[in-house]
Amino acid sequence: MEKQSAFWIEERRDVTHLKILVPCVRAFLREFLQRVERGQIPARHWLGPANQVLKLTTNHRARKIATQHQINWLEILPLTAITNSQNEKIRRFHQQHLEQGYRKAKGISV
C-alpha cells in the first residue's frame, strides 16, 4: 500500500501542486487578514480558514508528507502579518496556536 501511495502522489504531481499551494494559501490568508485589520470583515471570518489550515497541516499524514517531500507547512501562514496584527482575536490566535500549541505540540521549530 505504501508503494502505491507514493506512486499515486508522484504520478499525479501532487507534491508539485502542494509546493505551489503553500505560497498561494499564505498570500490569500495575508490579504484576508488585511481586510480584518482594516475593519472590513470580522476576525472570525479569517480565523475559520486559518484554523482549518492548521488542522490540515498538522495531522499525521501532513507531517509524514512534509518529511518525505521537504514541505515546511509553517510557511503556509503569513507569520509576519499575524505577528503584527492589532486585532485582539488574531493576537490570541497567534499566542495560542503559534507561540504555544502549534510549535510545541506539533514538533515544529522556527
Protein backbone atom coordinates (compact mmCIF):
# COMPACT_ATOMS: atom_id res chain seq x y z
CA MET A 1 0.00 0.00 0.00
CA GLU A 2 2.86 2.37 0.80
CA LYS A 3 4.40 1.99 -2.68
CA GLN A 4 1.04 2.51 -4.30
CA SER A 5 0.53 5.66 -2.23
CA ALA A 6 3.96 7.01 -3.20
CA PHE A 7 3.27 6.24 -6.86
CA TRP A 8 -0.07 7.99 -6.66
CA ILE A 9 1.50 11.14 -5.27
CA GLU A 10 4.31 11.19 -7.86
CA GLU A 11 2.17 10.24 -10.86
CA ARG A 12 -0.41 12.92 -10.19
CA ARG A 13 2.21 15.56 -9.37
CA ASP A 14 0.57 16.16 -6.00
CA VAL A 15 3.85 17.21 -4.38
CA THR A 16 4.41 19.85 -7.05
CA HIS A 17 0.89 21.11 -6.53
CA LEU A 18 1.34 21.23 -2.75
CA LYS A 19 4.52 23.24 -3.13
CA ILE A 20 2.67 25.68 -5.37
CA LEU A 21 -0.23 25.94 -2.94
CA VAL A 22 1.90 26.89 0.08
CA PRO A 23 2.72 30.45 -1.09
CA CYS A 24 -0.75 30.81 -2.65
CA VAL A 25 -2.52 29.99 0.61
CA ARG A 26 -0.12 32.26 2.51
CA ALA A 27 -0.91 35.16 0.16
CA PHE A 28 -4.64 34.50 0.43
CA LEU A 29 -4.52 34.45 4.24
CA ARG A 30 -2.35 37.59 4.28
CA GLU A 31 -4.77 39.52 2.03
CA PHE A 32 -7.73 38.21 4.01
CA LEU A 33 -6.05 39.34 7.25
CA GLN A 34 -5.50 42.81 5.79
CA ARG A 35 -9.27 43.09 5.40
CA VAL A 36 -9.66 42.20 9.09
CA GLU A 37 -7.10 44.85 10.02
CA ARG A 38 -9.00 47.47 8.00
CA GLY A 39 -12.23 46.51 9.77
CA GLN A 40 -13.87 45.28 6.56
CA ILE A 41 -14.62 41.81 7.91
CA PRO A 42 -14.76 40.30 11.40
CA ALA A 43 -11.76 38.34 12.65
CA ARG A 44 -13.82 35.16 12.89
CA HIS A 45 -14.09 35.10 9.09
CA TRP A 46 -10.30 34.85 8.93
CA LEU A 47 -9.92 32.55 11.92
CA GLY A 48 -12.09 29.81 10.38
CA PRO A 49 -9.86 29.27 7.34
CA ALA A 50 -6.67 29.79 9.39
CA ASN A 51 -7.72 27.12 11.89
CA GLN A 52 -8.64 24.76 9.05
CA VAL A 53 -5.19 25.27 7.51
CA LEU A 54 -3.59 24.44 10.86
CA LYS A 55 -5.73 21.34 11.20
CA LEU A 56 -4.85 20.12 7.70
CA THR A 57 -1.12 20.80 8.04
CA THR A 58 -0.55 19.33 11.48
CA ASN A 59 -2.19 15.92 11.20
CA HIS A 60 -0.14 12.73 10.94
CA ARG A 61 -0.44 12.45 7.17
CA ALA A 62 0.62 16.09 6.62
CA ARG A 63 3.67 15.65 8.87
CA LYS A 64 4.63 12.48 7.00
CA ILE A 65 4.29 14.22 3.62
CA ALA A 66 6.31 17.17 4.92
CA THR A 67 9.14 14.88 5.99
CA GLN A 68 9.15 12.84 2.80
CA HIS A 69 8.93 15.79 0.42
CA GLN A 70 10.60 18.68 2.32
CA ILE A 71 7.48 20.78 2.71
CA ASN A 72 7.61 23.33 5.53
CA TRP A 73 3.96 23.70 6.50
CA LEU A 74 4.72 26.63 8.78
CA GLU A 75 5.44 28.67 5.64
CA ILE A 76 1.77 28.38 4.70
CA LEU A 77 0.88 31.03 7.29
CA PRO A 78 1.52 34.77 6.88
CA LEU A 79 3.54 34.83 10.09
CA THR A 80 4.69 38.45 9.88
CA ALA A 81 1.16 39.72 9.28
CA ILE A 82 -0.18 37.57 12.11
CA THR A 83 2.56 38.75 14.47
CA ASN A 84 1.93 42.41 13.59
CA SER A 85 -1.86 42.20 13.80
CA GLN A 86 -3.58 44.71 16.05
CA ASN A 87 -6.76 42.64 16.26
CA GLU A 88 -7.24 41.07 19.69
CA LYS A 89 -8.64 37.78 18.35
CA ILE A 90 -5.80 37.40 15.85
CA ARG A 91 -3.26 38.13 18.60
CA ARG A 92 -4.90 35.45 20.75
CA PHE A 93 -4.70 33.02 17.81
CA HIS A 94 -1.01 33.85 17.49
CA GLN A 95 -0.38 33.27 21.17
CA GLN A 96 -2.42 30.07 21.50
CA HIS A 97 -1.53 28.34 18.25
CA LEU A 98 1.80 29.71 17.14
CA GLU A 99 3.66 30.60 20.32
CA GLN A 100 2.40 27.74 22.47
CA GLY A 101 0.45 24.96 20.82
CA TYR A 102 1.43 24.70 17.17
CA ARG A 103 5.17 24.73 17.56
CA LYS A 104 5.42 22.64 20.71
CA ALA A 105 2.62 20.13 20.17
CA LYS A 106 3.43 19.52 16.54
CA GLY A 107 7.19 19.44 16.87
CA ILE A 108 7.66 22.39 14.56
CA SER A 109 10.55 24.72 15.14
CA VAL A 110 11.19 28.10 13.62
